[in-house]
């Protein structure tokens, strides 16, 4: 289920990027304008269609994001530190005996 929803989410994201990129730039900051679409629709009609499509895709993107977040959080069951503590305190281990130091080697004559 998560895999299918993730693929749908990615397709919506790609469609959203595509729709945003074909919209006409109002500021003209890049120097490119999205002219008319071959006379298919008027400029106002195209803007309304693209704006509505962007809104619908953005809503679908947010909805799939929320559903994916809920599904990701559903796998992890809440745990408590108190439940994981042992019932009886463990007895302290006996201290380690220090190792006997090695005997120094006799000096070598040169």
PDB file of N, CA and C in Angstrom:
ATOM      1  N   UNK A   1       0.822  -1.182   0.000  1.00  0.00           N
ATOM      2  CA  UNK A   1       0.000   0.000   0.000  1.00  0.00           C
ATOM      3  C   UNK A   1       0.874   1.256   0.000  1.00  0.00           C
ATOM      4  N   UNK A   2       1.916   1.214   0.853  1.00  0.00           N
ATOM      5  CA  UNK A   2       2.787   2.379   0.923  1.00  0.00           C
ATOM      6  C   UNK A   2       3.523   2.602  -0.397  1.00  0.00           C
ATOM      7  N   UNK A   3       3.923   1.525  -1.032  1.00  0.00           N
ATOM      8  CA  UNK A   3       4.669   1.658  -2.287  1.00  0.00           C
ATOM      9  C   UNK A   3       3.792   2.277  -3.373  1.00  0.00           C
ATOM     10  N   UNK A   4       2.557   1.838  -3.447  1.00  0.00           N
ATOM     11  CA  UNK A   4       1.635   2.392  -4.448  1.00  0.00           C
ATOM     12  C   UNK A   4       1.380   3.869  -4.167  1.00  0.00           C
ATOM     13  N   UNK A   5       1.166   4.194  -2.906  1.00  0.00           N
ATOM     14  CA  UNK A   5       0.914   5.581  -2.537  1.00  0.00           C
ATOM     15  C   UNK A   5       2.147   6.454  -2.776  1.00  0.00           C
ATOM     16  N   UNK A   6       3.319   5.892  -2.556  1.00  0.00           N
ATOM     17  CA  UNK A   6       4.549   6.644  -2.807  1.00  0.00           C
ATOM     18  C   UNK A   6       4.741   6.917  -4.293  1.00  0.00           C
ATOM     19  N   UNK A   7       4.411   5.952  -5.138  1.00  0.00           N
ATOM     20  CA  UNK A   7       4.512   6.164  -6.582  1.00  0.00           C
ATOM     21  C   UNK A   7       3.517   7.236  -7.034  1.00  0.00           C
ATOM     22  N   UNK A   8       2.302   7.183  -6.506  1.00  0.00           N
ATOM     23  CA  UNK A   8       1.305   8.206  -6.832  1.00  0.00           C
ATOM     24  C   UNK A   8       1.788   9.576  -6.367  1.00  0.00           C
ATOM     25  N   UNK A   9       2.375   9.626  -5.191  1.00  0.00           N
ATOM     26  CA  UNK A   9       2.905  10.878  -4.644  1.00  0.00           C
ATOM     27  C   UNK A   9       3.996  11.454  -5.553  1.00  0.00           C
ATOM     28  N   UNK A  10       4.878  10.606  -6.029  1.00  0.00           N
ATOM     29  CA  UNK A  10       5.945  11.066  -6.924  1.00  0.00           C
ATOM     30  C   UNK A  10       5.391  11.547  -8.263  1.00  0.00           C
ATOM     31  N   UNK A  11       4.388  10.852  -8.789  1.00  0.00           N
ATOM     32  CA  UNK A  11       3.774  11.290 -10.042  1.00  0.00           C
ATOM     33  C   UNK A  11       3.076  12.643  -9.877  1.00  0.00           C
ATOM     34  N   UNK A  12       2.420  12.827  -8.746  1.00  0.00           N
ATOM     35  CA  UNK A  12       1.789  14.126  -8.480  1.00  0.00           C
ATOM     36  C   UNK A  12       2.848  15.213  -8.378  1.00  0.00           C
ATOM     37  N   UNK A  13       3.969  14.919  -7.725  1.00  0.00           N
ATOM     38  CA  UNK A  13       5.040  15.914  -7.593  1.00  0.00           C
ATOM     39  C   UNK A  13       5.596  16.298  -8.961  1.00  0.00           C
ATOM     40  N   UNK A  14       5.810  15.309  -9.825  1.00  0.00           N
ATOM     41  CA  UNK A  14       6.318  15.608 -11.168  1.00  0.00           C
ATOM     42  C   UNK A  14       5.309  16.413 -11.977  1.00  0.00           C
ATOM     43  N   UNK A  15       4.031  16.067 -11.870  1.00  0.00           N
ATOM     44  CA  UNK A  15       2.999  16.819 -12.584  1.00  0.00           C
ATOM     45  C   UNK A  15       2.914  18.249 -12.054  1.00  0.00           C
ATOM     46  N   UNK A  16       3.058  18.415 -10.751  1.00  0.00           N
ATOM     47  CA  UNK A  16       3.017  19.746 -10.153  1.00  0.00           C
ATOM     48  C   UNK A  16       4.177  20.608 -10.646  1.00  0.00           C
ATOM     49  N   UNK A  17       5.360  20.027 -10.717  1.00  0.00           N
ATOM     50  CA  UNK A  17       6.513  20.765 -11.240  1.00  0.00           C
ATOM     51  C   UNK A  17       6.278  21.142 -12.697  1.00  0.00           C
ATOM     52  N   UNK A  18       5.764  20.217 -13.484  1.00  0.00           N
ATOM     53  CA  UNK A  18       5.506  20.500 -14.895  1.00  0.00           C
ATOM     54  C   UNK A  18       4.481  21.597 -15.098  1.00  0.00           C
ATOM     55  N   UNK A  19       3.393  21.558 -14.331  1.00  0.00           N
ATOM     56  CA  UNK A  19       2.348  22.573 -14.472  1.00  0.00           C
ATOM     57  C   UNK A  19       2.873  23.944 -14.044  1.00  0.00           C
ATOM     58  N   UNK A  20       3.667  23.979 -13.010  1.00  0.00           N
ATOM     59  CA  UNK A  20       4.220  25.256 -12.559  1.00  0.00           C
ATOM     60  C   UNK A  20       5.183  25.820 -13.595  1.00  0.00           C
ATOM     61  N   UNK A  21       5.959  24.955 -14.226  1.00  0.00           N
ATOM     62  CA  UNK A  21       6.934  25.444 -15.201  1.00  0.00           C
ATOM     63  C   UNK A  21       6.290  25.963 -16.489  1.00  0.00           C
ATOM     64  N   UNK A  22       5.112  25.479 -16.860  1.00  0.00           N
ATOM     65  CA  UNK A  22       4.512  25.966 -18.101  1.00  0.00           C
ATOM     66  C   UNK A  22       3.656  27.210 -17.891  1.00  0.00           C
ATOM     67  N   UNK A  23       3.520  27.647 -16.629  1.00  0.00           N
ATOM     68  CA  UNK A  23       2.761  28.862 -16.390  1.00  0.00           C
ATOM     69  C   UNK A  23       3.559  30.079 -16.835  1.00  0.00           C
ATOM     70  N   UNK A  24       2.854  31.105 -17.213  1.00  0.00           N
ATOM     71  CA  UNK A  24       3.491  32.333 -17.676  1.00  0.00           C
ATOM     72  C   UNK A  24       4.099  33.075 -16.489  1.00  0.00           C
ATOM     73  N   UNK A  25       5.304  33.542 -16.677  1.00  0.00           N
ATOM     74  CA  UNK A  25       5.980  34.303 -15.644  1.00  0.00           C
ATOM     75  C   UNK A  25       5.430  35.713 -15.629  1.00  0.00           C
ATOM     76  N   UNK A  26       4.912  36.166 -14.494  1.00  0.00           N
ATOM     77  CA  UNK A  26       4.345  37.506 -14.415  1.00  0.00           C
ATOM     78  C   UNK A  26       5.420  38.556 -14.238  1.00  0.00           C
ATOM     79  N   UNK A  27       6.505  38.206 -13.557  1.00  0.00           N
ATOM     80  CA  UNK A  27       7.551  39.179 -13.312  1.00  0.00           C
ATOM     81  C   UNK A  27       8.483  39.336 -14.492  1.00  0.00           C
ATOM     82  N   UNK A  28       8.611  38.317 -15.285  1.00  0.00           N
ATOM     83  CA  UNK A  28       9.521  38.365 -16.416  1.00  0.00           C
ATOM     84  C   UNK A  28      10.970  38.390 -15.985  1.00  0.00           C
ATOM     85  N   UNK A  29      11.255  37.869 -14.823  1.00  0.00           N
ATOM     86  CA  UNK A  29      12.618  37.903 -14.298  1.00  0.00           C
ATOM     87  C   UNK A  29      13.592  37.078 -15.125  1.00  0.00           C
ATOM     88  N   UNK A  30      13.134  36.030 -15.740  1.00  0.00           N
ATOM     89  CA  UNK A  30      14.019  35.182 -16.527  1.00  0.00           C
ATOM     90  C   UNK A  30      14.073  35.617 -17.987  1.00  0.00           C
ATOM     91  N   UNK A  31      13.231  36.525 -18.350  1.00  0.00           N
ATOM     92  CA  UNK A  31      13.228  36.994 -19.726  1.00  0.00           C
ATOM     93  C   UNK A  31      12.469  36.093 -20.671  1.00  0.00           C
ATOM     94  N   UNK A  32      11.846  35.058 -20.142  1.00  0.00           N
ATOM     95  CA  UNK A  32      11.060  34.166 -20.992  1.00  0.00           C
ATOM     96  C   UNK A  32       9.609  34.264 -20.567  1.00  0.00           C
ATOM     97  N   UNK A  33       8.768  34.243 -21.504  1.00  0.00           N
ATOM     98  CA  UNK A  33       7.345  34.286 -21.200  1.00  0.00           C
ATOM     99  C   UNK A  33       6.683  33.078 -21.827  1.00  0.00           C
ATOM    100  N   UNK A  34       5.684  32.576 -21.168  1.00  0.00           N
ATOM    101  CA  UNK A  34       4.974  31.442 -21.741  1.00  0.00           C
ATOM    102  C   UNK A  34       3.898  31.964 -22.671  1.00  0.00           C
ATOM    103  N   UNK A  35       4.198  32.102 -23.912  1.00  0.00           N
ATOM    104  CA  UNK A  35       3.240  32.650 -24.880  1.00  0.00           C
ATOM    105  C   UNK A  35       1.974  31.832 -24.933  1.00  0.00           C
ATOM    106  N   UNK A  36       1.162  32.045 -25.949  1.00  0.00           N
ATOM    107  CA  UNK A  36      -0.081  31.285 -26.018  1.00  0.00           C
ATOM    108  C   UNK A  36       0.218  29.850 -26.445  1.00  0.00           C
ATOM    109  N   UNK A  37      -0.737  29.004 -26.229  1.00  0.00           N
ATOM    110  CA  UNK A  37      -0.541  27.579 -26.494  1.00  0.00           C
ATOM    111  C   UNK A  37      -1.061  27.227 -27.879  1.00  0.00           C
ATOM    112  N   UNK A  38      -0.566  27.853 -28.881  1.00  0.00           N
ATOM    113  CA  UNK A  38      -0.950  27.518 -30.237  1.00  0.00           C
ATOM    114  C   UNK A  38      -2.364  27.916 -30.577  1.00  0.00           C
ATOM    115  N   UNK A  39      -2.904  28.893 -29.900  1.00  0.00           N
ATOM    116  CA  UNK A  39      -4.267  29.345 -30.188  1.00  0.00           C
ATOM    117  C   UNK A  39      -5.332  28.432 -29.634  1.00  0.00           C
ATOM    118  N   UNK A  40      -4.959  27.487 -28.751  1.00  0.00           N
ATOM    119  CA  UNK A  40      -5.933  26.560 -28.221  1.00  0.00           C
ATOM    120  C   UNK A  40      -6.919  27.268 -27.291  1.00  0.00           C
ATOM    121  N   UNK A  41      -6.390  28.138 -26.436  1.00  0.00           N
ATOM    122  CA  UNK A  41      -7.230  28.861 -25.490  1.00  0.00           C
ATOM    123  C   UNK A  41      -6.718  30.292 -25.406  1.00  0.00           C
ATOM    124  N   UNK A  42      -7.532  31.158 -24.852  1.00  0.00           N
ATOM    125  CA  UNK A  42      -7.081  32.532 -24.650  1.00  0.00           C
ATOM    126  C   UNK A  42      -6.098  32.559 -23.482  1.00  0.00           C
ATOM    127  N   UNK A  43      -5.407  33.659 -23.336  1.00  0.00           N
ATOM    128  CA  UNK A  43      -4.425  33.774 -22.260  1.00  0.00           C
ATOM    129  C   UNK A  43      -5.095  33.686 -20.900  1.00  0.00           C
ATOM    130  N   UNK A  44      -6.244  34.323 -20.774  1.00  0.00           N
ATOM    131  CA  UNK A  44      -6.954  34.282 -19.499  1.00  0.00           C
ATOM    132  C   UNK A  44      -7.457  32.868 -19.202  1.00  0.00           C
ATOM    133  N   UNK A  45      -7.977  32.195 -20.194  1.00  0.00           N
ATOM    134  CA  UNK A  45      -8.460  30.825 -20.002  1.00  0.00           C
ATOM    135  C   UNK A  45      -7.342  29.871 -19.640  1.00  0.00           C
ATOM    136  N   UNK A  46      -6.191  30.062 -20.266  1.00  0.00           N
ATOM    137  CA  UNK A  46      -5.041  29.219 -19.953  1.00  0.00           C
ATOM    138  C   UNK A  46      -4.587  29.454 -18.529  1.00  0.00           C
ATOM    139  N   UNK A  47      -4.538  30.730 -18.109  1.00  0.00           N
ATOM    140  CA  UNK A  47      -4.119  31.052 -16.746  1.00  0.00           C
ATOM    141  C   UNK A  47      -5.080  30.455 -15.732  1.00  0.00           C
ATOM    142  N   UNK A  48      -6.374  30.540 -16.000  1.00  0.00           N
ATOM    143  CA  UNK A  48      -7.349  29.971 -15.070  1.00  0.00           C
ATOM    144  C   UNK A  48      -7.211  28.454 -14.990  1.00  0.00           C
ATOM    145  N   UNK A  49      -7.034  27.812 -16.124  1.00  0.00           N
ATOM    146  CA  UNK A  49      -6.874  26.355 -16.141  1.00  0.00           C
ATOM    147  C   UNK A  49      -5.625  25.927 -15.393  1.00  0.00           C
ATOM    148  N   UNK A  50      -4.510  26.600 -15.652  1.00  0.00           N
ATOM    149  CA  UNK A  50      -3.261  26.231 -14.998  1.00  0.00           C
ATOM    150  C   UNK A  50      -3.307  26.533 -13.502  1.00  0.00           C
ATOM    151  N   UNK A  51      -3.937  27.622 -13.130  1.00  0.00           N
ATOM    152  CA  UNK A  51      -4.062  27.954 -11.709  1.00  0.00           C
ATOM    153  C   UNK A  51      -4.915  26.917 -10.990  1.00  0.00           C
ATOM    154  N   UNK A  52      -6.007  26.537 -11.600  1.00  0.00           N
ATOM    155  CA  UNK A  52      -6.886  25.529 -10.997  1.00  0.00           C
ATOM    156  C   UNK A  52      -6.170  24.176 -10.921  1.00  0.00           C
ATOM    157  N   UNK A  53      -5.466  23.817 -11.981  1.00  0.00           N
ATOM    158  CA  UNK A  53      -4.731  22.549 -11.993  1.00  0.00           C
ATOM    159  C   UNK A  53      -3.647  22.547 -10.918  1.00  0.00           C
ATOM    160  N   UNK A  54      -2.944  23.670 -10.764  1.00  0.00           N
ATOM    161  CA  UNK A  54      -1.912  23.772  -9.736  1.00  0.00           C
ATOM    162  C   UNK A  54      -2.520  23.611  -8.351  1.00  0.00           C
ATOM    163  N   UNK A  55      -3.647  24.229  -8.113  1.00  0.00           N
ATOM    164  CA  UNK A  55      -4.313  24.103  -6.820  1.00  0.00           C
ATOM    165  C   UNK A  55      -4.754  22.689  -6.517  1.00  0.00           C
ATOM    166  N   UNK A  56      -5.319  22.028  -7.516  1.00  0.00           N
ATOM    167  CA  UNK A  56      -5.770  20.641  -7.322  1.00  0.00           C
ATOM    168  C   UNK A  56      -4.582  19.724  -7.067  1.00  0.00           C
ATOM    169  N   UNK A  57      -3.518  19.874  -7.858  1.00  0.00           N
ATOM    170  CA  UNK A  57      -2.328  19.040  -7.661  1.00  0.00           C
ATOM    171  C   UNK A  57      -1.673  19.310  -6.309  1.00  0.00           C
ATOM    172  N   UNK A  58      -1.654  20.581  -5.889  1.00  0.00           N
ATOM    173  CA  UNK A  58      -1.077  20.907  -4.584  1.00  0.00           C
ATOM    174  C   UNK A  58      -1.894  20.273  -3.459  1.00  0.00           C
ATOM    175  N   UNK A  59      -3.210  20.296  -3.578  1.00  0.00           N
ATOM    176  CA  UNK A  59      -4.055  19.649  -2.575  1.00  0.00           C
ATOM    177  C   UNK A  59      -3.836  18.145  -2.521  1.00  0.00           C
ATOM    178  N   UNK A  60      -3.731  17.521  -3.684  1.00  0.00           N
ATOM    179  CA  UNK A  60      -3.466  16.073  -3.738  1.00  0.00           C
ATOM    180  C   UNK A  60      -2.086  15.760  -3.165  1.00  0.00           C
ATOM    181  N   UNK A  61      -1.112  16.617  -3.446  1.00  0.00           N
ATOM    182  CA  UNK A  61       0.244  16.414  -2.925  1.00  0.00           C
ATOM    183  C   UNK A  61       0.243  16.476  -1.399  1.00  0.00           C
ATOM    184  N   UNK A  62      -0.461  17.442  -0.839  1.00  0.00           N
ATOM    185  CA  UNK A  62      -0.519  17.558   0.622  1.00  0.00           C
ATOM    186  C   UNK A  62      -1.265  16.387   1.241  1.00  0.00           C
ATOM    187  N   UNK A  63      -2.328  15.952   0.585  1.00  0.00           N
ATOM    188  CA  UNK A  63      -3.100  14.819   1.116  1.00  0.00           C
ATOM    189  C   UNK A  63      -2.260  13.542   1.123  1.00  0.00           C
ATOM    190  N   UNK A  64      -1.551  13.279   0.026  1.00  0.00           N
ATOM    191  CA  UNK A  64      -0.711  12.073  -0.005  1.00  0.00           C
ATOM    192  C   UNK A  64       0.448  12.195   0.974  1.00  0.00           C
ATOM    193  N   UNK A  65       0.952  13.414   1.192  1.00  0.00           N
ATOM    194  CA  UNK A  65       2.018  13.610   2.183  1.00  0.00           C
ATOM    195  C   UNK A  65       1.533  13.255   3.580  1.00  0.00           C
ATOM    196  N   UNK A  66       0.341  13.712   3.924  1.00  0.00           N
ATOM    197  CA  UNK A  66      -0.211  13.411   5.244  1.00  0.00           C
ATOM    198  C   UNK A  66      -0.485  11.922   5.414  1.00  0.00           C
ATOM    199  N   UNK A  67      -1.030  11.286   4.381  1.00  0.00           N
ATOM    200  CA  UNK A  67      -1.321   9.846   4.471  1.00  0.00           C
ATOM    201  C   UNK A  67      -0.027   9.054   4.610  1.00  0.00           C
ATOM    202  N   UNK A  68       1.005   9.433   3.858  1.00  0.00           N
ATOM    203  CA  UNK A  68       2.294   8.746   3.982  1.00  0.00           C
ATOM    204  C   UNK A  68       2.902   8.947   5.361  1.00  0.00           C
ATOM    205  N   UNK A  69       2.746  10.130   5.939  1.00  0.00           N
ATOM    206  CA  UNK A  69       3.265  10.379   7.287  1.00  0.00           C
ATOM    207  C   UNK A  69       2.534   9.534   8.323  1.00  0.00           C
ATOM    208  N   UNK A  70       1.224   9.419   8.175  1.00  0.00           N
ATOM    209  CA  UNK A  70       0.445   8.602   9.108  1.00  0.00           C
ATOM    210  C   UNK A  70       0.837   7.134   8.970  1.00  0.00           C
ATOM    211  N   UNK A  71       0.992   6.665   7.744  1.00  0.00           N
ATOM    212  CA  UNK A  71       1.381   5.267   7.540  1.00  0.00           C
ATOM    213  C   UNK A  71       2.783   4.991   8.066  1.00  0.00           C
ATOM    214  N   UNK A  72       3.679   5.938   7.950  1.00  0.00           N
ATOM    215  CA  UNK A  72       5.037   5.744   8.448  1.00  0.00           C
ATOM    216  C   UNK A  72       5.057   5.705   9.975  1.00  0.00           C
ATOM    217  N   UNK A  73       4.207   6.494  10.605  1.00  0.00           N
ATOM    218  CA  UNK A  73       4.147   6.507  12.061  1.00  0.00           C
ATOM    219  C   UNK A  73       3.385   5.337  12.646  1.00  0.00           C
ATOM    220  N   UNK A  74       2.579   4.668  11.859  1.00  0.00           N
ATOM    221  CA  UNK A  74       1.767   3.562  12.362  1.00  0.00           C
ATOM    222  C   UNK A  74       2.593   2.306  12.613  1.00  0.00           C
ATOM    223  N   UNK A  75       3.738   2.186  11.983  1.00  0.00           N
ATOM    224  CA  UNK A  75       4.558   0.980  12.146  1.00  0.00           C
ATOM    225  C   UNK A  75       5.274   0.942  13.489  1.00  0.00           C
ATOM    226  N   UNK A  76       5.504   2.068  14.077  1.00  0.00           N
ATOM    227  CA  UNK A  76       6.269   2.112  15.311  1.00  0.00           C
ATOM    228  C   UNK A  76       5.316   2.150  16.492  1.00  0.00           C
ATOM    229  N   UNK A  77       5.353   1.104  17.294  1.00  0.00           N
ATOM    230  CA  UNK A  77       4.514   1.057  18.481  1.00  0.00           C
ATOM    231  C   UNK A  77       5.206   1.838  19.593  1.00  0.00           C
ATOM    232  N   UNK A  78       4.458   2.565  20.392  1.00  0.00           N
ATOM    233  CA  UNK A  78       5.093   3.314  21.473  1.00  0.00           C
ATOM    234  C   UNK A  78       5.660   2.363  22.520  1.00  0.00           C
ATOM    235  N   UNK A  79       6.819   2.695  23.011  1.00  0.00           N
ATOM    236  CA  UNK A  79       7.459   1.868  24.033  1.00  0.00           C
ATOM    237  C   UNK A  79       7.764   2.743  25.235  1.00  0.00           C
ATOM    238  N   UNK A  80       7.922   2.089  26.364  1.00  0.00           N
ATOM    239  CA  UNK A  80       8.225   2.796  27.593  1.00  0.00           C
ATOM    240  C   UNK A  80       9.540   2.271  28.146  1.00  0.00           C
ATOM    241  N   UNK A  81      10.299   3.147  28.737  1.00  0.00           N
ATOM    242  CA  UNK A  81      11.563   2.730  29.353  1.00  0.00           C
ATOM    243  C   UNK A  81      11.288   1.824  30.539  1.00  0.00           C
ATOM    244  N   UNK A  82      10.198   2.075  31.246  1.00  0.00           N
ATOM    245  CA  UNK A  82       9.869   1.270  32.422  1.00  0.00           C
ATOM    246  C   UNK A  82       9.601  -0.176  32.021  1.00  0.00           C
ATOM    247  N   UNK A  83       8.986  -0.395  30.848  1.00  0.00           N
ATOM    248  CA  UNK A  83       8.695  -1.754  30.405  1.00  0.00           C
ATOM    249  C   UNK A  83       9.957  -2.510  30.039  1.00  0.00           C
ATOM    250  N   UNK A  84      11.012  -1.833  29.671  1.00  0.00           N
ATOM    251  CA  UNK A  84      12.225  -2.510  29.238  1.00  0.00           C
ATOM    252  C   UNK A  84      13.228  -2.711  30.365  1.00  0.00           C
ATOM    253  N   UNK A  85      12.975  -2.152  31.550  1.00  0.00           N
ATOM    254  CA  UNK A  85      13.907  -2.309  32.666  1.00  0.00           C
ATOM    255  C   UNK A  85      13.786  -3.715  33.249  1.00  0.00           C
ATOM    256  N   UNK A  86      14.893  -4.298  33.700  1.00  0.00           N
ATOM    257  CA  UNK A  86      14.798  -5.618  34.330  1.00  0.00           C
ATOM    258  C   UNK A  86      14.086  -5.503  35.685  1.00  0.00           C
ATOM    259  N   UNK A  87      13.431  -6.596  36.096  1.00  0.00           N
ATOM    260  CA  UNK A  87      12.662  -6.584  37.337  1.00  0.00           C
ATOM    261  C   UNK A  87      13.581  -6.501  38.551  1.00  0.00           C
ATOM    262  N   UNK A  88      14.670  -7.258  38.569  1.00  0.00           N
ATOM    263  CA  UNK A  88      15.615  -7.280  39.678  1.00  0.00           C
ATOM    264  C   UNK A  88      16.888  -6.561  39.266  1.00  0.00           C
ATOM    265  N   UNK A  89      17.431  -5.750  40.169  1.00  0.00           N
ATOM    266  CA  UNK A  89      18.716  -5.127  39.815  1.00  0.00           C
ATOM    267  C   UNK A  89      19.788  -6.198  39.729  1.00  0.00           C
ATOM    268  N   UNK A  90      20.656  -6.043  38.808  1.00  0.00           N
ATOM    269  CA  UNK A  90      21.712  -7.030  38.608  1.00  0.00           C
ATOM    270  C   UNK A  90      22.766  -6.872  39.698  1.00  0.00           C
ATOM    271  N   UNK A  91      23.295  -8.002  40.152  1.00  0.00           N
ATOM    272  CA  UNK A  91      24.356  -7.978  41.167  1.00  0.00           C
ATOM    273  C   UNK A  91      25.621  -7.437  40.517  1.00  0.00           C
ATOM    274  N   UNK A  92      26.344  -6.603  41.237  1.00  0.00           N
ATOM    275  CA  UNK A  92      27.571  -6.066  40.635  1.00  0.00           C
ATOM    276  C   UNK A  92      28.579  -7.181  40.405  1.00  0.00           C
ATOM    277  N   UNK A  93      29.260  -7.082  39.322  1.00  0.00           N
ATOM    278  CA  UNK A  93      30.267  -8.089  38.988  1.00  0.00           C
ATOM    279  C   UNK A  93      31.491  -7.885  39.879  1.00  0.00           C
ATOM    280  N   UNK A  94      32.205  -8.971  40.116  1.00  0.00           N
ATOM    281  CA  UNK A  94      33.424  -8.894  40.922  1.00  0.00           C
ATOM    282  C   UNK A  94      34.439  -8.028  40.195  1.00  0.00           C
ATOM    283  N   UNK A  95      35.162  -7.205  40.945  1.00  0.00           N
ATOM    284  CA  UNK A  95      36.135  -6.339  40.266  1.00  0.00           C
ATOM    285  C   UNK A  95      37.234  -7.183  39.612  1.00  0.00           C
ATOM    286  N   UNK A  96      37.696  -6.728  38.519  1.00  0.00           N
ATOM    287  CA  UNK A  96      38.730  -7.454  37.787  1.00  0.00           C
ATOM    288  C   UNK A  96      40.044  -7.357  38.544  1.00  0.00           C
ATOM    289  N   UNK A  97      40.767  -8.472  38.580  1.00  0.00           N
ATOM    290  CA  UNK A  97      42.073  -8.507  39.239  1.00  0.00           C
ATOM    291  C   UNK A  97      43.100  -7.853  38.332  1.00  0.00           C
ATOM    292  N   UNK A  98      43.916  -6.976  38.891  1.00  0.00           N
ATOM    293  CA  UNK A  98      44.927  -6.355  38.039  1.00  0.00           C
ATOM    294  C   UNK A  98      45.927  -7.392  37.557  1.00  0.00           C
ATOM    295  N   UNK A  99      46.349  -7.230  36.335  1.00  0.00           N
ATOM    296  CA  UNK A  99      47.315  -8.160  35.753  1.00  0.00           C
ATOM    297  C   UNK A  99      48.682  -7.893  36.354  1.00  0.00           C
ATOM    298  N   UNK A 100      49.452  -8.964  36.530  1.00  0.00           N
ATOM    299  CA  UNK A 100      50.807  -8.788  37.064  1.00  0.00           C
ATOM    300  C   UNK A 100      51.676  -8.160  35.998  1.00  0.00           C
ATOM    301  N   UNK A 101      52.466  -7.167  36.361  1.00  0.00           N
ATOM    302  CA  UNK A 101      53.296  -6.517  35.347  1.00  0.00           C
ATOM    303  C   UNK A 101      54.370  -7.458  34.820  1.00  0.00           C
ATOM    304  N   UNK A 102      54.717  -7.277  33.598  1.00  0.00           N
ATOM    305  CA  UNK A 102      55.758  -8.104  32.978  1.00  0.00           C
ATOM    306  C   UNK A 102      57.114  -7.691  33.537  1.00  0.00           C
ATOM    307  N   UNK A 103      58.005  -8.675  33.641  1.00  0.00           N
ATOM    308  CA  UNK A 103      59.351  -8.403  34.141  1.00  0.00           C
ATOM    309  C   UNK A 103      60.130  -7.637  33.083  1.00  0.00           C
ATOM    310  N   UNK A 104      60.883  -6.608  33.508  1.00  0.00           N
ATOM    311  CA  UNK A 104      61.654  -5.863  32.541  1.00  0.00           C
ATOM    312  C   UNK A 104      62.771  -6.720  31.925  1.00  0.00           C
ATOM    313  N   UNK A 105      63.037  -6.467  30.687  1.00  0.00           N
ATOM    314  CA  UNK A 105      64.089  -7.219  29.998  1.00  0.00           C
ATOM    315  C   UNK A 105      65.457  -6.644  30.390  1.00  0.00           C
ATOM    316  N   UNK A 106      66.471  -7.522  30.477  1.00  0.00           N
ATOM    317  CA  UNK A 106      67.815  -7.031  30.820  1.00  0.00           C
ATOM    318  C   UNK A 106      68.361  -6.148  29.701  1.00  0.00           C
ATOM    319  N   UNK A 107      69.171  -5.141  30.021  1.00  0.00           N
ATOM    320  CA  UNK A 107      69.711  -4.267  28.980  1.00  0.00           C
ATOM    321  C   UNK A 107      70.623  -5.027  28.035  1.00  0.00           C
ATOM    322  N   UNK A 108      70.618  -4.610  26.822  1.00  0.00           N
ATOM    323  CA  UNK A 108      71.442  -5.254  25.798  1.00  0.00           C
ATOM    324  C   UNK A 108      72.710  -4.417  25.647  1.00  0.00           C
ATOM    325  N   UNK A 109      73.847  -5.076  25.681  1.00  0.00           N
ATOM    326  CA  UNK A 109      75.131  -4.364  25.523  1.00  0.00           C
ATOM    327  C   UNK A 109      75.337  -3.999  24.055  1.00  0.00           C
ATOM    328  N   UNK A 110      75.968  -2.846  23.875  1.00  0.00           N
ATOM    329  CA  UNK A 110      76.176  -2.416  22.498  1.00  0.00           C
ATOM    330  C   UNK A 110      77.608  -2.513  22.101  1.00  0.00           C
TER     331      UNK A 110
END
